[in-house]
C-alpha atoms as a PDB file:
ATOM      1  CA  UNK A   1       2.247  22.495  -7.794  1.00  0.00           C
ATOM      2  CA  UNK A   2       1.891  25.691  -5.813  1.00  0.00           C
ATOM      3  CA  UNK A   3       3.514  26.255  -2.427  1.00  0.00           C
ATOM      4  CA  UNK A   4       0.101  25.675  -0.831  1.00  0.00           C
ATOM      5  CA  UNK A   5      -0.219  21.920  -0.418  1.00  0.00           C
ATOM      6  CA  UNK A   6      -3.409  20.057   0.417  1.00  0.00           C
ATOM      7  CA  UNK A   7      -3.680  18.996   4.062  1.00  0.00           C
ATOM      8  CA  UNK A   8      -3.515  15.279   3.287  1.00  0.00           C
ATOM      9  CA  UNK A   9      -1.615  13.063   0.898  1.00  0.00           C
ATOM     10  CA  UNK A  10      -5.011  11.654  -0.104  1.00  0.00           C
ATOM     11  CA  UNK A  11      -6.043  15.070  -1.425  1.00  0.00           C
ATOM     12  CA  UNK A  12      -2.615  15.658  -2.964  1.00  0.00           C
ATOM     13  CA  UNK A  13      -2.628  12.437  -4.973  1.00  0.00           C
ATOM     14  CA  UNK A  14      -6.075  13.200  -6.352  1.00  0.00           C
ATOM     15  CA  UNK A  15      -8.315  10.977  -4.240  1.00  0.00           C
ATOM     16  CA  UNK A  16      -9.670   7.482  -4.671  1.00  0.00           C
ATOM     17  CA  UNK A  17      -9.712   7.452  -8.485  1.00  0.00           C
ATOM     18  CA  UNK A  18      -5.979   8.125  -8.653  1.00  0.00           C
ATOM     19  CA  UNK A  19      -5.347   5.433  -6.033  1.00  0.00           C
ATOM     20  CA  UNK A  20      -7.421   2.963  -8.074  1.00  0.00           C
ATOM     21  CA  UNK A  21      -5.324   3.742 -11.154  1.00  0.00           C
ATOM     22  CA  UNK A  22      -2.136   3.403  -9.111  1.00  0.00           C
ATOM     23  CA  UNK A  23      -3.239   0.039  -7.760  1.00  0.00           C
ATOM     24  CA  UNK A  24      -4.326  -1.201 -11.199  1.00  0.00           C
ATOM     25  CA  UNK A  25      -1.075  -0.138 -12.881  1.00  0.00           C
ATOM     26  CA  UNK A  26       0.982  -1.650 -10.083  1.00  0.00           C
ATOM     27  CA  UNK A  27      -0.770  -5.027 -10.130  1.00  0.00           C
ATOM     28  CA  UNK A  28      -0.496  -5.264 -13.908  1.00  0.00           C
ATOM     29  CA  UNK A  29       3.261  -5.234 -13.356  1.00  0.00           C
ATOM     30  CA  UNK A  30       3.182  -7.558 -10.353  1.00  0.00           C
ATOM     31  CA  UNK A  31       1.120 -10.252 -12.055  1.00  0.00           C
ATOM     32  CA  UNK A  32       3.484 -10.246 -15.039  1.00  0.00           C
ATOM     33  CA  UNK A  33       6.589 -10.405 -12.850  1.00  0.00           C
ATOM     34  CA  UNK A  34       8.109 -13.886 -12.395  1.00  0.00           C
ATOM     35  CA  UNK A  35       9.453 -13.053  -8.933  1.00  0.00           C
ATOM     36  CA  UNK A  36       6.221 -11.566  -7.543  1.00  0.00           C
ATOM     37  CA  UNK A  37       3.416 -13.352  -9.388  1.00  0.00           C
ATOM     38  CA  UNK A  38       3.699 -16.476  -7.165  1.00  0.00           C
ATOM     39  CA  UNK A  39       3.102 -14.338  -4.053  1.00  0.00           C
ATOM     40  CA  UNK A  40      -0.194 -13.241  -5.615  1.00  0.00           C
ATOM     41  CA  UNK A  41      -1.354 -16.703  -6.707  1.00  0.00           C
ATOM     42  CA  UNK A  42      -4.775 -16.077  -5.113  1.00  0.00           C
ATOM     43  CA  UNK A  43      -5.117 -12.572  -6.593  1.00  0.00           C
ATOM     44  CA  UNK A  44      -8.573 -11.333  -7.533  1.00  0.00           C
ATOM     45  CA  UNK A  45      -9.559  -8.011  -9.064  1.00  0.00           C
ATOM     46  CA  UNK A  46     -11.249  -7.045  -5.783  1.00  0.00           C
ATOM     47  CA  UNK A  47      -7.711  -6.794  -4.388  1.00  0.00           C
ATOM     48  CA  UNK A  48      -7.146  -3.681  -6.533  1.00  0.00           C
ATOM     49  CA  UNK A  49     -10.097  -1.933  -4.905  1.00  0.00           C
ATOM     50  CA  UNK A  50      -9.116  -3.080  -1.416  1.00  0.00           C
ATOM     51  CA  UNK A  51      -5.600  -1.676  -1.870  1.00  0.00           C
ATOM     52  CA  UNK A  52      -6.985   1.638  -3.166  1.00  0.00           C
ATOM     53  CA  UNK A  53      -9.326   1.868  -0.153  1.00  0.00           C
ATOM     54  CA  UNK A  54      -6.445   1.003   2.216  1.00  0.00           C
ATOM     55  CA  UNK A  55      -4.208   3.662   0.700  1.00  0.00           C
ATOM     56  CA  UNK A  56      -7.009   6.221   0.835  1.00  0.00           C
ATOM     57  CA  UNK A  57      -7.324   5.651   4.579  1.00  0.00           C
ATOM     58  CA  UNK A  58      -3.565   5.585   5.182  1.00  0.00           C
ATOM     59  CA  UNK A  59      -3.106   8.867   3.321  1.00  0.00           C
ATOM     60  CA  UNK A  60      -5.856  10.717   5.220  1.00  0.00           C
ATOM     61  CA  UNK A  61      -8.987   9.916   3.247  1.00  0.00           C
ATOM     62  CA  UNK A  62     -12.148   8.061   4.283  1.00  0.00           C
ATOM     63  CA  UNK A  63     -11.741   5.231   6.811  1.00  0.00           C
ATOM     64  CA  UNK A  64     -13.523   2.663   4.635  1.00  0.00           C
ATOM     65  CA  UNK A  65     -10.876  -0.039   5.046  1.00  0.00           C
ATOM     66  CA  UNK A  66     -11.338   0.000   8.802  1.00  0.00           C
ATOM     67  CA  UNK A  67     -15.130   0.315   8.601  1.00  0.00           C
ATOM     68  CA  UNK A  68     -15.755  -2.241   5.848  1.00  0.00           C
ATOM     69  CA  UNK A  69     -12.747  -4.548   5.527  1.00  0.00           C
ATOM     70  CA  UNK A  70     -11.425  -5.200   9.038  1.00  0.00           C
ATOM     71  CA  UNK A  71      -8.789  -2.517   9.436  1.00  0.00           C
ATOM     72  CA  UNK A  72      -5.149  -2.964  10.309  1.00  0.00           C
ATOM     73  CA  UNK A  73      -5.684  -6.419  11.853  1.00  0.00           C
ATOM     74  CA  UNK A  74      -7.191  -7.768   8.620  1.00  0.00           C
ATOM     75  CA  UNK A  75      -4.425  -6.314   6.492  1.00  0.00           C
ATOM     76  CA  UNK A  76      -1.680  -7.833   8.628  1.00  0.00           C
ATOM     77  CA  UNK A  77      -3.503 -11.165   8.766  1.00  0.00           C
ATOM     78  CA  UNK A  78      -3.678 -11.297   4.967  1.00  0.00           C
ATOM     79  CA  UNK A  79       0.134 -11.310   4.843  1.00  0.00           C
ATOM     80  CA  UNK A  80       0.625 -14.204   7.281  1.00  0.00           C
ATOM     81  CA  UNK A  81       2.324 -17.220   5.747  1.00  0.00           C
ATOM     82  CA  UNK A  82       3.353 -15.490   2.506  1.00  0.00           C
ATOM     83  CA  UNK A  83       7.071 -15.778   3.381  1.00  0.00           C
ATOM     84  CA  UNK A  84       7.975 -12.620   1.486  1.00  0.00           C
ATOM     85  CA  UNK A  85      11.705 -12.370   0.834  1.00  0.00           C
ATOM     86  CA  UNK A  86      13.773  -9.194   0.829  1.00  0.00           C
ATOM     87  CA  UNK A  87      14.366  -9.712  -2.906  1.00  0.00           C
ATOM     88  CA  UNK A  88      10.591  -9.792  -3.459  1.00  0.00           C
ATOM     89  CA  UNK A  89      10.070  -6.735  -1.270  1.00  0.00           C
ATOM     90  CA  UNK A  90      12.661  -4.767  -3.233  1.00  0.00           C
ATOM     91  CA  UNK A  91      11.131  -5.825  -6.559  1.00  0.00           C
ATOM     92  CA  UNK A  92       7.711  -4.795  -5.200  1.00  0.00           C
ATOM     93  CA  UNK A  93       9.189  -1.381  -4.408  1.00  0.00           C
ATOM     94  CA  UNK A  94      10.625  -1.059  -7.935  1.00  0.00           C
ATOM     95  CA  UNK A  95       7.274  -1.819  -9.533  1.00  0.00           C
ATOM     96  CA  UNK A  96       5.446   0.526  -7.168  1.00  0.00           C
ATOM     97  CA  UNK A  97       7.934   3.316  -7.907  1.00  0.00           C
ATOM     98  CA  UNK A  98       7.216   2.882 -11.626  1.00  0.00           C
ATOM     99  CA  UNK A  99       3.452   3.005 -10.963  1.00  0.00           C
ATOM    100  CA  UNK A 100       3.871   6.103  -8.780  1.00  0.00           C
ATOM    101  CA  UNK A 101       5.830   7.843 -11.551  1.00  0.00           C
ATOM    102  CA  UNK A 102       3.095   6.980 -14.048  1.00  0.00           C
ATOM    103  CA  UNK A 103      -0.046   7.665 -11.994  1.00  0.00           C
ATOM    104  CA  UNK A 104       0.667  10.289  -9.327  1.00  0.00           C
ATOM    105  CA  UNK A 105       1.000  14.030  -9.872  1.00  0.00           C
ATOM    106  CA  UNK A 106       4.439  15.262 -10.880  1.00  0.00           C
ATOM    107  CA  UNK A 107       5.353  16.472  -7.390  1.00  0.00           C
ATOM    108  CA  UNK A 108       8.633  15.156  -6.043  1.00  0.00           C
ATOM    109  CA  UNK A 109       7.804  15.683  -2.358  1.00  0.00           C
ATOM    110  CA  UNK A 110       4.457  13.937  -2.749  1.00  0.00           C
ATOM    111  CA  UNK A 111       6.029  10.989  -4.543  1.00  0.00           C
ATOM    112  CA  UNK A 112       8.797  10.802  -1.940  1.00  0.00           C
ATOM    113  CA  UNK A 113       6.327  10.707   0.959  1.00  0.00           C
ATOM    114  CA  UNK A 114       4.223   8.051  -0.749  1.00  0.00           C
ATOM    115  CA  UNK A 115       7.285   5.890  -1.437  1.00  0.00           C
ATOM    116  CA  UNK A 116       8.468   6.339   2.163  1.00  0.00           C
ATOM    117  CA  UNK A 117       5.139   4.862   3.274  1.00  0.00           C
ATOM    118  CA  UNK A 118       5.554   1.916   0.903  1.00  0.00           C
ATOM    119  CA  UNK A 119       9.073   1.265   2.177  1.00  0.00           C
ATOM    120  CA  UNK A 120       7.857   1.337   5.791  1.00  0.00           C
ATOM    121  CA  UNK A 121       4.795  -0.791   5.055  1.00  0.00           C
ATOM    122  CA  UNK A 122       6.553  -3.427   2.979  1.00  0.00           C
ATOM    123  CA  UNK A 123       9.083  -3.993   5.749  1.00  0.00           C
ATOM    124  CA  UNK A 124       6.206  -4.722   8.140  1.00  0.00           C
ATOM    125  CA  UNK A 125       4.549  -6.999   5.562  1.00  0.00           C
ATOM    126  CA  UNK A 126       7.809  -8.888   5.042  1.00  0.00           C
ATOM    127  CA  UNK A 127       8.222  -9.355   8.792  1.00  0.00           C
ATOM    128  CA  UNK A 128       4.619 -10.471   9.370  1.00  0.00           C
ATOM    129  CA  UNK A 129       4.694 -12.795   6.356  1.00  0.00           C
ATOM    130  CA  UNK A 130       7.236 -15.064   8.039  1.00  0.00           C
ATOM    131  CA  UNK A 131       4.614 -16.115  10.607  1.00  0.00           C
ATOM    132  CA  UNK A 132       2.279 -18.984   9.682  1.00  0.00           C
ATOM    133  CA  UNK A 133      -1.280 -18.269   8.592  1.00  0.00           C
ATOM    134  CA  UNK A 134      -3.563 -18.081  11.601  1.00  0.00           C
ATOM    135  CA  UNK A 135      -0.903 -16.648  13.927  1.00  0.00           C
ATOM    136  CA  UNK A 136      -2.391 -14.380  16.592  1.00  0.00           C
ATOM    137  CA  UNK A 137      -0.688 -11.040  16.063  1.00  0.00           C
ATOM    138  CA  UNK A 138      -2.347  -9.435  19.052  1.00  0.00           C
ATOM    139  CA  UNK A 139      -3.973  -6.049  18.623  1.00  0.00           C
ATOM    140  CA  UNK A 140      -1.924  -3.976  16.164  1.00  0.00           C
ATOM    141  CA  UNK A 141      -3.773  -0.789  16.991  1.00  0.00           C
ATOM    142  CA  UNK A 142      -5.615   1.487  14.618  1.00  0.00           C
ATOM    143  CA  UNK A 143      -4.864   1.777  10.946  1.00  0.00           C
ATOM    144  CA  UNK A 144      -1.790   3.993  10.656  1.00  0.00           C
ATOM    145  CA  UNK A 145      -1.946   7.373   8.946  1.00  0.00           C
ATOM    146  CA  UNK A 146       0.838   8.745   6.756  1.00  0.00           C
ATOM    147  CA  UNK A 147       1.174  12.426   5.963  1.00  0.00           C
ATOM    148  CA  UNK A 148       3.584  15.101   4.813  1.00  0.00           C
ATOM    149  CA  UNK A 149       5.801  14.379   7.845  1.00  0.00           C
ATOM    150  CA  UNK A 150       5.587  10.580   7.592  1.00  0.00           C
ATOM    151  CA  UNK A 151       3.876   8.388  10.176  1.00  0.00           C
ATOM    152  CA  UNK A 152       1.391  10.414  12.189  1.00  0.00           C
END
């Protein structure tokens, strides 16, 4: 990659199609993993698209997750009651790192920034997941954005 980087991680990864491939590759691994598959017992293929749309927004692309799927509040609410363990979170990170290596451009800084987001986000998901389904989380604020310098 040249020294001139795209303004957003969304552009740098290659847009929504790359994020769809990333999500698909990742969930193939998750659903075959004995530690993580139980967490995704209610998985549907629409989840792949929802994750791609979420990541697009997080990384500076279109705000479709907020506009069409309920934004940050909906995402946090979906993790309530899952009781994600640290062991599961770390395994999730391993599988995502493998998917990132396979699907994202061969750019170490880009891959590092993307994985830093996943580390940050999975820690929040793990924390939220310990609360029972239906818990009022209050207003979490707008969907976060992640860029070349991390959380924006």
